[in-house]
Amino acid sequence: MKSLAELDKLRETLQREMKARDKEHDISIAVSMGTCGIAAGAREVVKVLLNELKEQGLAHVALTQTSCVGSCKHEPLLEIKRGNEKVIYVNVDQERAKEIVRRHLVQGEVIKEWTDS
Protein backbone atom coordinates (compact mmCIF):
# COMPACT_ATOMS: atom_id res chain seq x y z
CA MET A 1 0.00 0.00 0.00
CA LYS A 2 1.44 3.27 -1.05
CA SER A 3 -1.51 5.59 -0.79
CA LEU A 4 -4.83 6.19 0.87
CA ALA A 5 -6.52 5.71 -2.50
CA GLU A 6 -5.10 2.17 -2.72
CA LEU A 7 -6.38 1.41 0.78
CA ASP A 8 -9.84 2.76 -0.13
CA LYS A 9 -9.88 0.65 -3.28
CA LEU A 10 -8.89 -2.44 -1.29
CA ARG A 11 -11.61 -1.78 1.27
CA GLU A 12 -14.24 -1.38 -1.44
CA THR A 13 -13.13 -4.59 -3.13
CA LEU A 14 -13.20 -6.56 0.10
CA GLN A 15 -16.56 -5.14 1.10
CA ARG A 16 -18.00 -6.26 -2.22
CA GLU A 17 -16.50 -9.73 -1.79
CA MET A 18 -17.63 -10.05 1.82
CA LYS A 19 -21.16 -8.72 1.66
CA ALA A 20 -22.47 -8.67 5.18
CA ARG A 21 -25.13 -11.31 5.19
CA ASP A 22 -27.96 -11.41 7.66
CA LYS A 23 -29.56 -13.96 9.83
CA GLU A 24 -30.22 -16.36 6.98
CA HIS A 25 -26.77 -17.83 7.68
CA ASP A 26 -26.14 -20.23 10.54
CA ILE A 27 -22.47 -19.36 10.91
CA SER A 28 -20.53 -16.13 10.53
CA ILE A 29 -16.82 -15.43 10.31
CA ALA A 30 -15.64 -11.90 11.07
CA VAL A 31 -12.06 -11.01 10.16
CA SER A 32 -10.48 -8.07 11.94
CA MET A 33 -9.53 -5.68 9.15
CA GLY A 34 -8.20 -2.68 11.03
CA THR A 35 -4.90 -1.24 9.90
CA CYS A 36 -3.04 -3.58 12.25
CA GLY A 37 -4.89 -6.62 10.90
CA ILE A 38 -4.22 -5.69 7.28
CA ALA A 39 -0.54 -5.09 8.08
CA ALA A 40 -0.38 -8.53 9.73
CA GLY A 41 -1.83 -10.28 6.67
CA ALA A 42 -5.61 -10.22 7.14
CA ARG A 43 -6.21 -9.41 3.47
CA GLU A 44 -4.48 -12.65 2.41
CA VAL A 45 -6.41 -14.56 5.10
CA VAL A 46 -9.70 -13.25 3.68
CA LYS A 47 -8.74 -14.38 0.18
CA VAL A 48 -7.93 -17.87 1.46
CA LEU A 49 -11.18 -18.00 3.46
CA LEU A 50 -13.23 -17.00 0.41
CA ASN A 51 -11.59 -19.69 -1.70
CA GLU A 52 -11.80 -22.38 0.97
CA LEU A 53 -15.46 -21.65 1.79
CA LYS A 54 -16.27 -21.94 -1.90
CA GLU A 55 -14.20 -25.11 -2.32
CA GLN A 56 -15.86 -26.76 0.68
CA GLY A 57 -19.35 -25.71 -0.49
CA LEU A 58 -20.07 -23.70 2.67
CA ALA A 59 -22.61 -21.24 1.25
CA HIS A 60 -24.36 -21.08 4.65
CA VAL A 61 -21.34 -19.29 6.18
CA ALA A 62 -21.26 -15.47 6.12
CA LEU A 63 -17.84 -13.86 5.80
CA THR A 64 -17.68 -10.30 7.10
CA GLN A 65 -15.09 -7.85 8.34
CA THR A 66 -14.71 -5.82 11.46
CA SER A 67 -12.43 -3.00 12.50
CA CYS A 68 -9.60 -3.23 15.01
CA VAL A 69 -10.60 -5.10 18.15
CA GLY A 70 -7.69 -3.79 20.24
CA SER A 71 -5.60 -6.93 20.28
CA CYS A 72 -2.98 -5.94 17.74
CA LYS A 73 -0.29 -8.37 18.90
CA HIS A 74 -2.63 -11.28 18.03
CA GLU A 75 -3.54 -10.15 14.50
CA PRO A 76 -4.86 -11.40 12.19
CA LEU A 77 -7.90 -12.34 14.26
CA LEU A 78 -11.02 -14.10 13.15
CA GLU A 79 -14.19 -14.76 15.09
CA ILE A 80 -16.55 -17.61 14.31
CA LYS A 81 -20.12 -17.38 15.61
CA ARG A 82 -22.57 -20.26 15.50
CA GLY A 83 -25.70 -19.58 17.53
CA ASN A 84 -24.52 -18.59 21.02
CA GLU A 85 -21.08 -20.12 20.50
CA LYS A 86 -18.22 -17.71 19.74
CA VAL A 87 -14.61 -18.72 19.07
CA ILE A 88 -11.81 -16.24 18.39
CA TYR A 89 -8.74 -17.50 16.56
CA VAL A 90 -5.50 -15.51 16.86
CA ASN A 91 -2.38 -15.14 14.71
CA VAL A 92 -4.22 -16.61 11.73
CA ASP A 93 -2.09 -17.02 8.63
CA GLN A 94 -3.13 -18.50 5.29
CA GLU A 95 -2.48 -22.11 6.30
CA ARG A 96 -4.32 -21.73 9.60
CA ALA A 97 -7.26 -20.18 7.75
CA LYS A 98 -7.56 -23.28 5.56
CA GLU A 99 -7.32 -25.58 8.57
CA ILE A 100 -9.90 -23.56 10.51
CA VAL A 101 -12.40 -23.94 7.67
CA ARG A 102 -11.68 -27.65 7.29
CA ARG A 103 -11.49 -28.62 10.95
CA HIS A 104 -13.79 -26.12 12.68
CA LEU A 105 -16.46 -25.51 10.07
CA VAL A 106 -16.49 -28.85 8.25
CA GLN A 107 -15.56 -31.28 11.04
CA GLY A 108 -16.87 -29.27 14.02
CA GLU A 109 -13.55 -29.29 15.89
CA VAL A 110 -12.45 -26.15 17.76
CA ILE A 111 -8.67 -25.85 17.43
CA LYS A 112 -8.04 -24.75 21.01
CA GLU A 113 -4.31 -24.07 20.64
CA TRP A 114 -5.09 -21.31 18.10
CA THR A 115 -7.77 -19.56 20.17
CA ASP A 116 -7.53 -16.59 22.49
CA SER A 117 -8.33 -18.60 25.62
C-alpha atoms as a PDB file:
ATOM      1  CA  MET A   1       0.000   0.000   0.000  1.00  0.00           C
ATOM      2  CA  LYS A   2       1.438   3.270  -1.047  1.00  0.00           C
ATOM      3  CA  SER A   3      -1.513   5.587  -0.793  1.00  0.00           C
ATOM      4  CA  LEU A   4      -4.834   6.194   0.872  1.00  0.00           C
ATOM      5  CA  ALA A   5      -6.525   5.712  -2.498  1.00  0.00           C
ATOM      6  CA  GLU A   6      -5.102   2.167  -2.718  1.00  0.00           C
ATOM      7  CA  LEU A   7      -6.378   1.410   0.776  1.00  0.00           C
ATOM      8  CA  ASP A   8      -9.838   2.757  -0.132  1.00  0.00           C
ATOM      9  CA  LYS A   9      -9.876   0.648  -3.281  1.00  0.00           C
ATOM     10  CA  LEU A  10      -8.888  -2.443  -1.289  1.00  0.00           C
ATOM     11  CA  ARG A  11     -11.607  -1.782   1.275  1.00  0.00           C
ATOM     12  CA  GLU A  12     -14.243  -1.384  -1.441  1.00  0.00           C
ATOM     13  CA  THR A  13     -13.134  -4.592  -3.135  1.00  0.00           C
ATOM     14  CA  LEU A  14     -13.197  -6.562   0.101  1.00  0.00           C
ATOM     15  CA  GLN A  15     -16.557  -5.138   1.105  1.00  0.00           C
ATOM     16  CA  ARG A  16     -18.000  -6.262  -2.216  1.00  0.00           C
ATOM     17  CA  GLU A  17     -16.496  -9.726  -1.789  1.00  0.00           C
ATOM     18  CA  MET A  18     -17.630 -10.053   1.819  1.00  0.00           C
ATOM     19  CA  LYS A  19     -21.163  -8.722   1.655  1.00  0.00           C
ATOM     20  CA  ALA A  20     -22.466  -8.675   5.183  1.00  0.00           C
ATOM     21  CA  ARG A  21     -25.127 -11.312   5.189  1.00  0.00           C
ATOM     22  CA  ASP A  22     -27.961 -11.408   7.662  1.00  0.00           C
ATOM     23  CA  LYS A  23     -29.558 -13.963   9.833  1.00  0.00           C
ATOM     24  CA  GLU A  24     -30.216 -16.362   6.978  1.00  0.00           C
ATOM     25  CA  HIS A  25     -26.772 -17.825   7.684  1.00  0.00           C
ATOM     26  CA  ASP A  26     -26.144 -20.233  10.538  1.00  0.00           C
ATOM     27  CA  ILE A  27     -22.474 -19.361  10.915  1.00  0.00           C
ATOM     28  CA  SER A  28     -20.530 -16.131  10.529  1.00  0.00           C
ATOM     29  CA  ILE A  29     -16.820 -15.427  10.313  1.00  0.00           C
ATOM     30  CA  ALA A  30     -15.636 -11.903  11.074  1.00  0.00           C
ATOM     31  CA  VAL A  31     -12.056 -11.010  10.159  1.00  0.00           C
ATOM     32  CA  SER A  32     -10.483  -8.069  11.941  1.00  0.00           C
ATOM     33  CA  MET A  33      -9.528  -5.678   9.145  1.00  0.00           C
ATOM     34  CA  GLY A  34      -8.203  -2.681  11.025  1.00  0.00           C
ATOM     35  CA  THR A  35      -4.900  -1.239   9.898  1.00  0.00           C
ATOM     36  CA  CYS A  36      -3.041  -3.578  12.247  1.00  0.00           C
ATOM     37  CA  GLY A  37      -4.887  -6.622  10.896  1.00  0.00           C
ATOM     38  CA  ILE A  38      -4.217  -5.687   7.283  1.00  0.00           C
ATOM     39  CA  ALA A  39      -0.542  -5.090   8.076  1.00  0.00           C
ATOM     40  CA  ALA A  40      -0.375  -8.527   9.728  1.00  0.00           C
ATOM     41  CA  GLY A  41      -1.835 -10.278   6.666  1.00  0.00           C
ATOM     42  CA  ALA A  42      -5.614 -10.219   7.142  1.00  0.00           C
ATOM     43  CA  ARG A  43      -6.210  -9.414   3.473  1.00  0.00           C
ATOM     44  CA  GLU A  44      -4.483 -12.646   2.413  1.00  0.00           C
ATOM     45  CA  VAL A  45      -6.408 -14.561   5.097  1.00  0.00           C
ATOM     46  CA  VAL A  46      -9.703 -13.245   3.683  1.00  0.00           C
ATOM     47  CA  LYS A  47      -8.744 -14.383   0.184  1.00  0.00           C
ATOM     48  CA  VAL A  48      -7.928 -17.872   1.465  1.00  0.00           C
ATOM     49  CA  LEU A  49     -11.179 -18.001   3.455  1.00  0.00           C
ATOM     50  CA  LEU A  50     -13.228 -16.996   0.413  1.00  0.00           C
ATOM     51  CA  ASN A  51     -11.590 -19.690  -1.704  1.00  0.00           C
ATOM     52  CA  GLU A  52     -11.800 -22.378   0.971  1.00  0.00           C
ATOM     53  CA  LEU A  53     -15.455 -21.655   1.794  1.00  0.00           C
ATOM     54  CA  LYS A  54     -16.269 -21.944  -1.902  1.00  0.00           C
ATOM     55  CA  GLU A  55     -14.202 -25.109  -2.321  1.00  0.00           C
ATOM     56  CA  GLN A  56     -15.859 -26.762   0.680  1.00  0.00           C
ATOM     57  CA  GLY A  57     -19.347 -25.705  -0.490  1.00  0.00           C
ATOM     58  CA  LEU A  58     -20.072 -23.701   2.665  1.00  0.00           C
ATOM     59  CA  ALA A  59     -22.611 -21.243   1.255  1.00  0.00           C
ATOM     60  CA  HIS A  60     -24.356 -21.081   4.653  1.00  0.00           C
ATOM     61  CA  VAL A  61     -21.339 -19.287   6.179  1.00  0.00           C
ATOM     62  CA  ALA A  62     -21.262 -15.473   6.124  1.00  0.00           C
ATOM     63  CA  LEU A  63     -17.839 -13.864   5.802  1.00  0.00           C
ATOM     64  CA  THR A  64     -17.676 -10.300   7.097  1.00  0.00           C
ATOM     65  CA  GLN A  65     -15.085  -7.854   8.336  1.00  0.00           C
ATOM     66  CA  THR A  66     -14.710  -5.817  11.457  1.00  0.00           C
ATOM     67  CA  SER A  67     -12.426  -2.997  12.502  1.00  0.00           C
ATOM     68  CA  CYS A  68      -9.604  -3.233  15.006  1.00  0.00           C
ATOM     69  CA  VAL A  69     -10.599  -5.105  18.150  1.00  0.00           C
ATOM     70  CA  GLY A  70      -7.687  -3.788  20.237  1.00  0.00           C
ATOM     71  CA  SER A  71      -5.600  -6.932  20.282  1.00  0.00           C
ATOM     72  CA  CYS A  72      -2.980  -5.939  17.744  1.00  0.00           C
ATOM     73  CA  LYS A  73      -0.292  -8.368  18.902  1.00  0.00           C
ATOM     74  CA  HIS A  74      -2.628 -11.279  18.035  1.00  0.00           C
ATOM     75  CA  GLU A  75      -3.543 -10.149  14.505  1.00  0.00           C
ATOM     76  CA  PRO A  76      -4.859 -11.401  12.187  1.00  0.00           C
ATOM     77  CA  LEU A  77      -7.898 -12.343  14.263  1.00  0.00           C
ATOM     78  CA  LEU A  78     -11.025 -14.097  13.148  1.00  0.00           C
ATOM     79  CA  GLU A  79     -14.187 -14.762  15.087  1.00  0.00           C
ATOM     80  CA  ILE A  80     -16.553 -17.609  14.314  1.00  0.00           C
ATOM     81  CA  LYS A  81     -20.117 -17.383  15.614  1.00  0.00           C
ATOM     82  CA  ARG A  82     -22.567 -20.258  15.505  1.00  0.00           C
ATOM     83  CA  GLY A  83     -25.703 -19.584  17.532  1.00  0.00           C
ATOM     84  CA  ASN A  84     -24.524 -18.588  21.019  1.00  0.00           C
ATOM     85  CA  GLU A  85     -21.082 -20.116  20.505  1.00  0.00           C
ATOM     86  CA  LYS A  86     -18.221 -17.711  19.740  1.00  0.00           C
ATOM     87  CA  VAL A  87     -14.613 -18.720  19.074  1.00  0.00           C
ATOM     88  CA  ILE A  88     -11.807 -16.245  18.391  1.00  0.00           C
ATOM     89  CA  TYR A  89      -8.737 -17.500  16.556  1.00  0.00           C
ATOM     90  CA  VAL A  90      -5.499 -15.505  16.859  1.00  0.00           C
ATOM     91  CA  ASN A  91      -2.384 -15.136  14.706  1.00  0.00           C
ATOM     92  CA  VAL A  92      -4.223 -16.605  11.729  1.00  0.00           C
ATOM     93  CA  ASP A  93      -2.095 -17.019   8.630  1.00  0.00           C
ATOM     94  CA  GLN A  94      -3.133 -18.496   5.290  1.00  0.00           C
ATOM     95  CA  GLU A  95      -2.480 -22.107   6.303  1.00  0.00           C
ATOM     96  CA  ARG A  96      -4.322 -21.727   9.601  1.00  0.00           C
ATOM     97  CA  ALA A  97      -7.256 -20.181   7.754  1.00  0.00           C
ATOM     98  CA  LYS A  98      -7.556 -23.279   5.556  1.00  0.00           C
ATOM     99  CA  GLU A  99      -7.321 -25.583   8.570  1.00  0.00           C
ATOM    100  CA  ILE A 100      -9.901 -23.564  10.515  1.00  0.00           C
ATOM    101  CA  VAL A 101     -12.398 -23.943   7.668  1.00  0.00           C
ATOM    102  CA  ARG A 102     -11.685 -27.651   7.288  1.00  0.00           C
ATOM    103  CA  ARG A 103     -11.486 -28.617  10.948  1.00  0.00           C
ATOM    104  CA  HIS A 104     -13.788 -26.123  12.685  1.00  0.00           C
ATOM    105  CA  LEU A 105     -16.463 -25.511  10.066  1.00  0.00           C
ATOM    106  CA  VAL A 106     -16.491 -28.851   8.246  1.00  0.00           C
ATOM    107  CA  GLN A 107     -15.557 -31.277  11.045  1.00  0.00           C
ATOM    108  CA  GLY A 108     -16.870 -29.269  14.022  1.00  0.00           C
ATOM    109  CA  GLU A 109     -13.547 -29.290  15.888  1.00  0.00           C
ATOM    110  CA  VAL A 110     -12.446 -26.150  17.761  1.00  0.00           C
ATOM    111  CA  ILE A 111      -8.666 -25.854  17.428  1.00  0.00           C
ATOM    112  CA  LYS A 112      -8.043 -24.749  21.009  1.00  0.00           C
ATOM    113  CA  GLU A 113      -4.314 -24.068  20.642  1.00  0.00           C
ATOM    114  CA  TRP A 114      -5.094 -21.314  18.101  1.00  0.00           C
ATOM    115  CA  THR A 115      -7.774 -19.565  20.168  1.00  0.00           C
ATOM    116  CA  ASP A 116      -7.532 -16.588  22.492  1.00  0.00           C
ATOM    117  CA  SER A 117      -8.328 -18.601  25.623  1.00  0.00           C
END
